[in-house]
């Protein structure tokens, strides 16, 4: 059985649960805490199955980031004129 078949079977079961809860709610009333809680749990299951269905229908292969080529040529030294050497501090000051 494929993933989509399993999801469809679970969805049918959830639909049956929803119909059964509706009949039960009609018979005993909707004011009780128990029936409201069961209805809320069934709604959460439906939301979870919608998320699973969405995840199962997503792309099969993960997205690979685009590679960036970095040149082996030396950098322009003017890029570093105002920079400090990490760990050594500024060139025109002394450490305390």
PDB file of N, CA and C in Angstrom:
ATOM      1  N   UNK A   1       0.848  -1.175   0.000  1.00  0.00           N
ATOM      2  CA  UNK A   1       0.000   0.000   0.000  1.00  0.00           C
ATOM      3  C   UNK A   1       0.896   1.242   0.000  1.00  0.00           C
ATOM      4  N   UNK A   2       0.592   2.191  -0.857  1.00  0.00           N
ATOM      5  CA  UNK A   2       1.417   3.392  -0.960  1.00  0.00           C
ATOM      6  C   UNK A   2       1.034   4.400   0.128  1.00  0.00           C
ATOM      7  N   UNK A   3       1.842   5.399   0.262  1.00  0.00           N
ATOM      8  CA  UNK A   3       1.592   6.445   1.251  1.00  0.00           C
ATOM      9  C   UNK A   3       0.269   7.141   0.956  1.00  0.00           C
ATOM     10  N   UNK A   4       0.010   7.394  -0.317  1.00  0.00           N
ATOM     11  CA  UNK A   4      -1.235   8.084  -0.681  1.00  0.00           C
ATOM     12  C   UNK A   4      -2.457   7.214  -0.386  1.00  0.00           C
ATOM     13  N   UNK A   5      -2.322   5.898  -0.564  1.00  0.00           N
ATOM     14  CA  UNK A   5      -3.420   4.992  -0.226  1.00  0.00           C
ATOM     15  C   UNK A   5      -3.676   4.986   1.276  1.00  0.00           C
ATOM     16  N   UNK A   6      -2.590   4.987   2.044  1.00  0.00           N
ATOM     17  CA  UNK A   6      -2.734   5.025   3.509  1.00  0.00           C
ATOM     18  C   UNK A   6      -3.398   6.321   3.962  1.00  0.00           C
ATOM     19  N   UNK A   7      -2.986   7.420   3.387  1.00  0.00           N
ATOM     20  CA  UNK A   7      -3.578   8.709   3.751  1.00  0.00           C
ATOM     21  C   UNK A   7      -5.053   8.745   3.377  1.00  0.00           C
ATOM     22  N   UNK A   8      -5.398   8.203   2.217  1.00  0.00           N
ATOM     23  CA  UNK A   8      -6.801   8.163   1.794  1.00  0.00           C
ATOM     24  C   UNK A   8      -7.626   7.286   2.733  1.00  0.00           C
ATOM     25  N   UNK A   9      -7.061   6.158   3.186  1.00  0.00           N
ATOM     26  CA  UNK A   9      -7.771   5.281   4.121  1.00  0.00           C
ATOM     27  C   UNK A   9      -7.997   5.982   5.458  1.00  0.00           C
ATOM     28  N   UNK A  10      -6.998   6.683   5.934  1.00  0.00           N
ATOM     29  CA  UNK A  10      -7.145   7.431   7.192  1.00  0.00           C
ATOM     30  C   UNK A  10      -8.181   8.523   7.023  1.00  0.00           C
ATOM     31  N   UNK A  11      -8.190   9.190   5.889  1.00  0.00           N
ATOM     32  CA  UNK A  11      -9.166  10.250   5.645  1.00  0.00           C
ATOM     33  C   UNK A  11     -10.591   9.689   5.645  1.00  0.00           C
ATOM     34  N   UNK A  12     -10.774   8.503   5.042  1.00  0.00           N
ATOM     35  CA  UNK A  12     -12.101   7.873   5.064  1.00  0.00           C
ATOM     36  C   UNK A  12     -12.518   7.540   6.497  1.00  0.00           C
ATOM     37  N   UNK A  13     -11.569   7.048   7.290  1.00  0.00           N
ATOM     38  CA  UNK A  13     -11.868   6.742   8.692  1.00  0.00           C
ATOM     39  C   UNK A  13     -12.232   8.002   9.466  1.00  0.00           C
ATOM     40  N   UNK A  14     -11.534   9.079   9.203  1.00  0.00           N
ATOM     41  CA  UNK A  14     -11.846  10.338   9.869  1.00  0.00           C
ATOM     42  C   UNK A  14     -13.210  10.870   9.449  1.00  0.00           C
ATOM     43  N   UNK A  15     -13.573  10.677   8.179  1.00  0.00           N
ATOM     44  CA  UNK A  15     -14.901  11.078   7.728  1.00  0.00           C
ATOM     45  C   UNK A  15     -15.983  10.264   8.438  1.00  0.00           C
ATOM     46  N   UNK A  16     -15.724   8.946   8.600  1.00  0.00           N
ATOM     47  CA  UNK A  16     -16.667   8.100   9.339  1.00  0.00           C
ATOM     48  C   UNK A  16     -16.780   8.549  10.790  1.00  0.00           C
ATOM     49  N   UNK A  17     -15.652   8.882  11.386  1.00  0.00           N
ATOM     50  CA  UNK A  17     -15.654   9.376  12.767  1.00  0.00           C
ATOM     51  C   UNK A  17     -16.461  10.661  12.874  1.00  0.00           C
ATOM     52  N   UNK A  18     -16.292  11.541  11.925  1.00  0.00           N
ATOM     53  CA  UNK A  18     -17.024  12.815  11.936  1.00  0.00           C
ATOM     54  C   UNK A  18     -18.525  12.566  11.835  1.00  0.00           C
ATOM     55  N   UNK A  19     -18.941  11.661  10.950  1.00  0.00           N
ATOM     56  CA  UNK A  19     -20.371  11.345  10.821  1.00  0.00           C
ATOM     57  C   UNK A  19     -20.915  10.710  12.097  1.00  0.00           C
ATOM     58  N   UNK A  20     -20.132   9.806  12.681  1.00  0.00           N
ATOM     59  CA  UNK A  20     -20.570   9.152  13.926  1.00  0.00           C
ATOM     60  C   UNK A  20     -20.688  10.153  15.062  1.00  0.00           C
ATOM     61  N   UNK A  21     -19.754  11.063  15.152  1.00  0.00           N
ATOM     62  CA  UNK A  21     -19.823  12.099  16.190  1.00  0.00           C
ATOM     63  C   UNK A  21     -21.036  13.003  15.982  1.00  0.00           C
ATOM     64  N   UNK A  22     -21.350  13.297  14.732  1.00  0.00           N
ATOM     65  CA  UNK A  22     -22.522  14.129  14.455  1.00  0.00           C
ATOM     66  C   UNK A  22     -23.798  13.425  14.893  1.00  0.00           C
ATOM     67  N   UNK A  23     -23.914  12.115  14.624  1.00  0.00           N
ATOM     68  CA  UNK A  23     -25.094  11.362  15.056  1.00  0.00           C
ATOM     69  C   UNK A  23     -25.180  11.299  16.571  1.00  0.00           C
ATOM     70  N   UNK A  24     -24.039  11.043  17.202  1.00  0.00           N
ATOM     71  CA  UNK A  24     -24.004  10.978  18.664  1.00  0.00           C
ATOM     72  C   UNK A  24     -24.350  12.319  19.279  1.00  0.00           C
ATOM     73  N   UNK A  25     -23.826  13.375  18.695  1.00  0.00           N
ATOM     74  CA  UNK A  25     -24.110  14.727  19.178  1.00  0.00           C
ATOM     75  C   UNK A  25     -25.601  15.045  19.046  1.00  0.00           C
ATOM     76  N   UNK A  26     -26.227  14.572  17.985  1.00  0.00           N
ATOM     77  CA  UNK A  26     -27.658  14.783  17.778  1.00  0.00           C
ATOM     78  C   UNK A  26     -28.479  14.015  18.827  1.00  0.00           C
ATOM     79  N   UNK A  27     -27.978  12.820  19.218  1.00  0.00           N
ATOM     80  CA  UNK A  27     -28.701  11.989  20.174  1.00  0.00           C
ATOM     81  C   UNK A  27     -28.559  12.478  21.609  1.00  0.00           C
ATOM     82  N   UNK A  28     -27.337  12.871  22.019  1.00  0.00           N
ATOM     83  CA  UNK A  28     -27.140  13.238  23.428  1.00  0.00           C
ATOM     84  C   UNK A  28     -27.014  14.739  23.644  1.00  0.00           C
ATOM     85  N   UNK A  29     -26.964  15.505  22.583  1.00  0.00           N
ATOM     86  CA  UNK A  29     -26.825  16.947  22.709  1.00  0.00           C
ATOM     87  C   UNK A  29     -25.371  17.378  22.637  1.00  0.00           C
ATOM     88  N   UNK A  30     -25.176  18.651  22.323  1.00  0.00           N
ATOM     89  CA  UNK A  30     -23.813  19.157  22.128  1.00  0.00           C
ATOM     90  C   UNK A  30     -23.307  19.947  23.325  1.00  0.00           C
ATOM     91  N   UNK A  31     -24.053  19.939  24.431  1.00  0.00           N
ATOM     92  CA  UNK A  31     -23.664  20.758  25.569  1.00  0.00           C
ATOM     93  C   UNK A  31     -22.635  20.136  26.480  1.00  0.00           C
ATOM     94  N   UNK A  32     -22.444  18.823  26.368  1.00  0.00           N
ATOM     95  CA  UNK A  32     -21.526  18.159  27.286  1.00  0.00           C
ATOM     96  C   UNK A  32     -20.066  18.382  26.936  1.00  0.00           C
ATOM     97  N   UNK A  33     -19.265  18.384  27.972  1.00  0.00           N
ATOM     98  CA  UNK A  33     -17.825  18.567  27.790  1.00  0.00           C
ATOM     99  C   UNK A  33     -17.226  17.422  26.984  1.00  0.00           C
ATOM    100  N   UNK A  34     -17.724  16.222  27.211  1.00  0.00           N
ATOM    101  CA  UNK A  34     -17.156  15.048  26.551  1.00  0.00           C
ATOM    102  C   UNK A  34     -17.330  15.118  25.035  1.00  0.00           C
ATOM    103  N   UNK A  35     -18.526  15.481  24.574  1.00  0.00           N
ATOM    104  CA  UNK A  35     -18.766  15.525  23.124  1.00  0.00           C
ATOM    105  C   UNK A  35     -17.999  16.677  22.479  1.00  0.00           C
ATOM    106  N   UNK A  36     -17.889  17.798  23.185  1.00  0.00           N
ATOM    107  CA  UNK A  36     -17.106  18.925  22.643  1.00  0.00           C
ATOM    108  C   UNK A  36     -15.638  18.543  22.534  1.00  0.00           C
ATOM    109  N   UNK A  37     -15.146  17.812  23.551  1.00  0.00           N
ATOM    110  CA  UNK A  37     -13.748  17.397  23.529  1.00  0.00           C
ATOM    111  C   UNK A  37     -13.496  16.394  22.402  1.00  0.00           C
ATOM    112  N   UNK A  38     -14.415  15.447  22.216  1.00  0.00           N
ATOM    113  CA  UNK A  38     -14.269  14.476  21.133  1.00  0.00           C
ATOM    114  C   UNK A  38     -14.308  15.174  19.774  1.00  0.00           C
ATOM    115  N   UNK A  39     -15.187  16.156  19.626  1.00  0.00           N
ATOM    116  CA  UNK A  39     -15.281  16.913  18.372  1.00  0.00           C
ATOM    117  C   UNK A  39     -13.980  17.677  18.124  1.00  0.00           C
ATOM    118  N   UNK A  40     -13.444  18.299  19.168  1.00  0.00           N
ATOM    119  CA  UNK A  40     -12.194  19.055  19.043  1.00  0.00           C
ATOM    120  C   UNK A  40     -11.032  18.130  18.677  1.00  0.00           C
ATOM    121  N   UNK A  41     -10.979  16.949  19.308  1.00  0.00           N
ATOM    122  CA  UNK A  41      -9.916  15.989  18.983  1.00  0.00           C
ATOM    123  C   UNK A  41     -10.023  15.523  17.533  1.00  0.00           C
ATOM    124  N   UNK A  42     -11.243  15.272  17.067  1.00  0.00           N
ATOM    125  CA  UNK A  42     -11.443  14.846  15.682  1.00  0.00           C
ATOM    126  C   UNK A  42     -11.022  15.952  14.713  1.00  0.00           C
ATOM    127  N   UNK A  43     -11.310  17.202  15.061  1.00  0.00           N
ATOM    128  CA  UNK A  43     -10.893  18.321  14.207  1.00  0.00           C
ATOM    129  C   UNK A  43      -9.375  18.442  14.160  1.00  0.00           C
ATOM    130  N   UNK A  44      -8.714  18.201  15.290  1.00  0.00           N
ATOM    131  CA  UNK A  44      -7.245  18.242  15.312  1.00  0.00           C
ATOM    132  C   UNK A  44      -6.661  17.129  14.445  1.00  0.00           C
ATOM    133  N   UNK A  45      -7.281  15.955  14.483  1.00  0.00           N
ATOM    134  CA  UNK A  45      -6.819  14.866  13.629  1.00  0.00           C
ATOM    135  C   UNK A  45      -6.965  15.222  12.153  1.00  0.00           C
ATOM    136  N   UNK A  46      -8.062  15.869  11.805  1.00  0.00           N
ATOM    137  CA  UNK A  46      -8.243  16.295  10.405  1.00  0.00           C
ATOM    138  C   UNK A  46      -7.156  17.284   9.987  1.00  0.00           C
ATOM    139  N   UNK A  47      -6.838  18.227  10.865  1.00  0.00           N
ATOM    140  CA  UNK A  47      -5.786  19.211  10.557  1.00  0.00           C
ATOM    141  C   UNK A  47      -4.430  18.523  10.418  1.00  0.00           C
ATOM    142  N   UNK A  48      -4.163  17.567  11.290  1.00  0.00           N
ATOM    143  CA  UNK A  48      -2.890  16.841  11.215  1.00  0.00           C
ATOM    144  C   UNK A  48      -2.792  16.039   9.924  1.00  0.00           C
ATOM    145  N   UNK A  49      -3.888  15.424   9.513  1.00  0.00           N
ATOM    146  CA  UNK A  49      -3.874  14.669   8.266  1.00  0.00           C
ATOM    147  C   UNK A  49      -3.700  15.587   7.062  1.00  0.00           C
ATOM    148  N   UNK A  50      -4.260  16.781   7.128  1.00  0.00           N
ATOM    149  CA  UNK A  50      -4.062  17.738   6.031  1.00  0.00           C
ATOM    150  C   UNK A  50      -2.585  18.108   5.922  1.00  0.00           C
ATOM    151  N   UNK A  51      -1.915  18.274   7.058  1.00  0.00           N
ATOM    152  CA  UNK A  51      -0.481  18.577   7.039  1.00  0.00           C
ATOM    153  C   UNK A  51       0.322  17.401   6.490  1.00  0.00           C
ATOM    154  N   UNK A  52      -0.053  16.186   6.890  1.00  0.00           N
ATOM    155  CA  UNK A  52       0.642  15.002   6.372  1.00  0.00           C
ATOM    156  C   UNK A  52       0.433  14.845   4.872  1.00  0.00           C
ATOM    157  N   UNK A  53      -0.783  15.097   4.413  1.00  0.00           N
ATOM    158  CA  UNK A  53      -1.066  15.002   2.979  1.00  0.00           C
ATOM    159  C   UNK A  53      -0.224  16.003   2.205  1.00  0.00           C
ATOM    160  N   UNK A  54      -0.114  17.204   2.757  1.00  0.00           N
ATOM    161  CA  UNK A  54       0.685  18.247   2.105  1.00  0.00           C
ATOM    162  C   UNK A  54       2.161  17.866   2.070  1.00  0.00           C
ATOM    163  N   UNK A  55       2.649  17.299   3.181  1.00  0.00           N
ATOM    164  CA  UNK A  55       4.058  16.899   3.236  1.00  0.00           C
ATOM    165  C   UNK A  55       4.338  15.741   2.291  1.00  0.00           C
ATOM    166  N   UNK A  56       3.376  14.817   2.150  1.00  0.00           N
ATOM    167  CA  UNK A  56       3.572  13.659   1.279  1.00  0.00           C
ATOM    168  C   UNK A  56       3.536  14.044  -0.191  1.00  0.00           C
ATOM    169  N   UNK A  57       2.840  15.112  -0.520  1.00  0.00           N
ATOM    170  CA  UNK A  57       2.757  15.510  -1.925  1.00  0.00           C
ATOM    171  C   UNK A  57       3.848  16.506  -2.309  1.00  0.00           C
ATOM    172  N   UNK A  58       4.716  16.844  -1.367  1.00  0.00           N
ATOM    173  CA  UNK A  58       5.790  17.800  -1.627  1.00  0.00           C
ATOM    174  C   UNK A  58       6.852  17.206  -2.540  1.00  0.00           C
ATOM    175  N   UNK A  59       7.883  17.967  -2.823  1.00  0.00           N
ATOM    176  CA  UNK A  59       8.945  17.479  -3.706  1.00  0.00           C
ATOM    177  C   UNK A  59       9.668  16.279  -3.095  1.00  0.00           C
ATOM    178  N   UNK A  60      10.011  15.321  -3.925  1.00  0.00           N
ATOM    179  CA  UNK A  60      10.667  14.108  -3.442  1.00  0.00           C
ATOM    180  C   UNK A  60      12.116  14.380  -3.043  1.00  0.00           C
ATOM    181  N   UNK A  61      12.799  15.185  -3.798  1.00  0.00           N
ATOM    182  CA  UNK A  61      14.203  15.485  -3.502  1.00  0.00           C
ATOM    183  C   UNK A  61      14.307  16.826  -2.783  1.00  0.00           C
ATOM    184  N   UNK A  62      15.157  16.906  -1.776  1.00  0.00           N
ATOM    185  CA  UNK A  62      15.320  18.186  -1.101  1.00  0.00           C
ATOM    186  C   UNK A  62      15.966  19.219  -2.027  1.00  0.00           C
ATOM    187  N   UNK A  63      15.629  20.462  -1.794  1.00  0.00           N
ATOM    188  CA  UNK A  63      16.175  21.548  -2.609  1.00  0.00           C
ATOM    189  C   UNK A  63      17.654  21.706  -2.307  1.00  0.00           C
ATOM    190  N   UNK A  64      18.478  21.672  -3.343  1.00  0.00           N
ATOM    191  CA  UNK A  64      19.915  21.854  -3.175  1.00  0.00           C
ATOM    192  C   UNK A  64      20.257  23.309  -3.438  1.00  0.00           C
ATOM    193  N   UNK A  65      21.019  23.907  -2.555  1.00  0.00           N
ATOM    194  CA  UNK A  65      21.378  25.313  -2.770  1.00  0.00           C
ATOM    195  C   UNK A  65      22.285  25.470  -3.990  1.00  0.00           C
ATOM    196  N   UNK A  66      22.196  26.640  -4.585  1.00  0.00           N
ATOM    197  CA  UNK A  66      23.018  26.936  -5.754  1.00  0.00           C
ATOM    198  C   UNK A  66      24.464  27.114  -5.325  1.00  0.00           C
ATOM    199  N   UNK A  67      25.381  26.502  -6.046  1.00  0.00           N
ATOM    200  CA  UNK A  67      26.803  26.605  -5.724  1.00  0.00           C
ATOM    201  C   UNK A  67      27.362  27.940  -6.224  1.00  0.00           C
ATOM    202  N   UNK A  68      28.233  28.504  -5.424  1.00  0.00           N
ATOM    203  CA  UNK A  68      28.872  29.770  -5.772  1.00  0.00           C
ATOM    204  C   UNK A  68      30.358  29.497  -5.976  1.00  0.00           C
ATOM    205  N   UNK A  69      30.886  29.911  -7.099  1.00  0.00           N
ATOM    206  CA  UNK A  69      32.304  29.727  -7.396  1.00  0.00           C
ATOM    207  C   UNK A  69      33.094  30.889  -6.821  1.00  0.00           C
ATOM    208  N   UNK A  70      34.158  30.551  -6.091  1.00  0.00           N
ATOM    209  CA  UNK A  70      35.033  31.571  -5.503  1.00  0.00           C
ATOM    210  C   UNK A  70      36.360  31.515  -6.237  1.00  0.00           C
ATOM    211  N   UNK A  71      36.767  32.647  -6.720  1.00  0.00           N
ATOM    212  CA  UNK A  71      37.988  32.726  -7.508  1.00  0.00           C
ATOM    213  C   UNK A  71      39.222  32.510  -6.633  1.00  0.00           C
ATOM    214  N   UNK A  72      40.253  31.925  -7.223  1.00  0.00           N
ATOM    215  CA  UNK A  72      41.519  31.737  -6.522  1.00  0.00           C
ATOM    216  C   UNK A  72      42.414  32.965  -6.620  1.00  0.00           C
ATOM    217  N   UNK A  73      42.002  33.960  -7.366  1.00  0.00           N
ATOM    218  CA  UNK A  73      42.802  35.179  -7.523  1.00  0.00           C
ATOM    219  C   UNK A  73      42.850  35.927  -6.192  1.00  0.00           C
ATOM    220  N   UNK A  74      43.961  36.589  -5.885  1.00  0.00           N
ATOM    221  CA  UNK A  74      44.060  37.324  -4.620  1.00  0.00           C
ATOM    222  C   UNK A  74      43.082  38.492  -4.578  1.00  0.00           C
ATOM    223  N   UNK A  75      42.627  38.804  -3.369  1.00  0.00           N
ATOM    224  CA  UNK A  75      41.720  39.936  -3.179  1.00  0.00           C
ATOM    225  C   UNK A  75      42.451  41.262  -3.365  1.00  0.00           C
ATOM    226  N   UNK A  76      41.694  42.284  -3.667  1.00  0.00           N
ATOM    227  CA  UNK A  76      42.233  43.634  -3.774  1.00  0.00           C
ATOM    228  C   UNK A  76      42.612  44.106  -2.368  1.00  0.00           C
ATOM    229  N   UNK A  77      43.876  44.510  -2.161  1.00  0.00           N
ATOM    230  CA  UNK A  77      44.341  44.905  -0.829  1.00  0.00           C
ATOM    231  C   UNK A  77      43.658  46.163  -0.318  1.00  0.00           C
ATOM    232  N   UNK A  78      43.053  46.955  -1.182  1.00  0.00           N
ATOM    233  CA  UNK A  78      42.351  48.153  -0.719  1.00  0.00           C
ATOM    234  C   UNK A  78      41.104  47.799   0.100  1.00  0.00           C
ATOM    235  N   UNK A  79      40.635  46.568   0.010  1.00  0.00           N
ATOM    236  CA  UNK A  79      39.494  46.141   0.827  1.00  0.00           C
ATOM    237  C   UNK A  79      39.832  46.118   2.311  1.00  0.00           C
ATOM    238  N   UNK A  80      41.106  45.968   2.653  1.00  0.00           N
ATOM    239  CA  UNK A  80      41.501  45.773   4.033  1.00  0.00           C
ATOM    240  C   UNK A  80      42.201  46.990   4.642  1.00  0.00           C
ATOM    241  N   UNK A  81      42.175  48.133   4.014  1.00  0.00           N
ATOM    242  CA  UNK A  81      42.941  49.285   4.514  1.00  0.00           C
ATOM    243  C   UNK A  81      42.467  49.776   5.874  1.00  0.00           C
ATOM    244  N   UNK A  82      41.167  49.784   6.155  1.00  0.00           N
ATOM    245  CA  UNK A  82      40.661  50.297   7.435  1.00  0.00           C
ATOM    246  C   UNK A  82      40.299  49.190   8.411  1.00  0.00           C
ATOM    247  N   UNK A  83      40.717  47.984   8.156  1.00  0.00           N
ATOM    248  CA  UNK A  83      40.313  46.872   9.021  1.00  0.00           C
ATOM    249  C   UNK A  83      41.331  46.653  10.126  1.00  0.00           C
ATOM    250  N   UNK A  84      40.861  46.027  11.194  1.00  0.00           N
ATOM    251  CA  UNK A  84      41.737  45.664  12.303  1.00  0.00           C
ATOM    252  C   UNK A  84      42.076  44.188  12.187  1.00  0.00           C
ATOM    253  N   UNK A  85      43.279  43.828  12.655  1.00  0.00           N
ATOM    254  CA  UNK A  85      43.635  42.420  12.689  1.00  0.00           C
ATOM    255  C   UNK A  85      42.924  41.792  13.882  1.00  0.00           C
ATOM    256  N   UNK A  86      42.160  40.749  13.613  1.00  0.00           N
ATOM    257  CA  UNK A  86      41.395  40.114  14.678  1.00  0.00           C
ATOM    258  C   UNK A  86      42.340  39.558  15.731  1.00  0.00           C
ATOM    259  N   UNK A  87      42.075  39.920  16.972  1.00  0.00           N
ATOM    260  CA  UNK A  87      42.887  39.452  18.068  1.00  0.00           C
ATOM    261  C   UNK A  87      44.076  40.337  18.367  1.00  0.00           C
ATOM    262  N   UNK A  88      44.474  41.202  17.418  1.00  0.00           N
ATOM    263  CA  UNK A  88      45.627  42.071  17.634  1.00  0.00           C
ATOM    264  C   UNK A  88      45.241  43.504  17.898  1.00  0.00           C
ATOM    265  N   UNK A  89      44.028  43.902  17.538  1.00  0.00           N
ATOM    266  CA  UNK A  89      43.577  45.269  17.758  1.00  0.00           C
ATOM    267  C   UNK A  89      43.971  46.181  16.600  1.00  0.00           C
ATOM    268  N   UNK A  90      43.729  47.452  16.822  1.00  0.00           N
ATOM    269  CA  UNK A  90      44.015  48.438  15.791  1.00  0.00           C
ATOM    270  C   UNK A  90      45.519  48.633  15.643  1.00  0.00           C
ATOM    271  N   UNK A  91      45.947  49.011  14.459  1.00  0.00           N
ATOM    272  CA  UNK A  91      47.381  49.152  14.194  1.00  0.00           C
ATOM    273  C   UNK A  91      47.990  50.361  14.880  1.00  0.00           C
ATOM    274  N   UNK A  92      47.181  51.414  15.087  1.00  0.00           N
ATOM    275  CA  UNK A  92      47.757  52.639  15.656  1.00  0.00           C
ATOM    276  C   UNK A  92      47.546  52.731  17.171  1.00  0.00           C
ATOM    277  N   UNK A  93      47.066  51.684  17.810  1.00  0.00           N
ATOM    278  CA  UNK A  93      46.856  51.700  19.267  1.00  0.00           C
ATOM    279  C   UNK A  93      47.590  50.532  19.901  1.00  0.00           C
ATOM    280  N   UNK A  94      47.822  50.709  21.213  1.00  0.00           N
ATOM    281  CA  UNK A  94      48.482  49.644  21.946  1.00  0.00           C
ATOM    282  C   UNK A  94      47.483  48.977  22.871  1.00  0.00           C
ATOM    283  N   UNK A  95      47.727  47.749  23.173  1.00  0.00           N
ATOM    284  CA  UNK A  95      46.862  47.026  24.111  1.00  0.00           C
ATOM    285  C   UNK A  95      47.067  47.571  25.518  1.00  0.00           C
ATOM    286  N   UNK A  96      46.062  47.577  26.366  1.00  0.00           N
ATOM    287  CA  UNK A  96      46.213  48.119  27.731  1.00  0.00           C
ATOM    288  C   UNK A  96      47.139  47.296  28.587  1.00  0.00           C
TER     289      UNK A  96
END
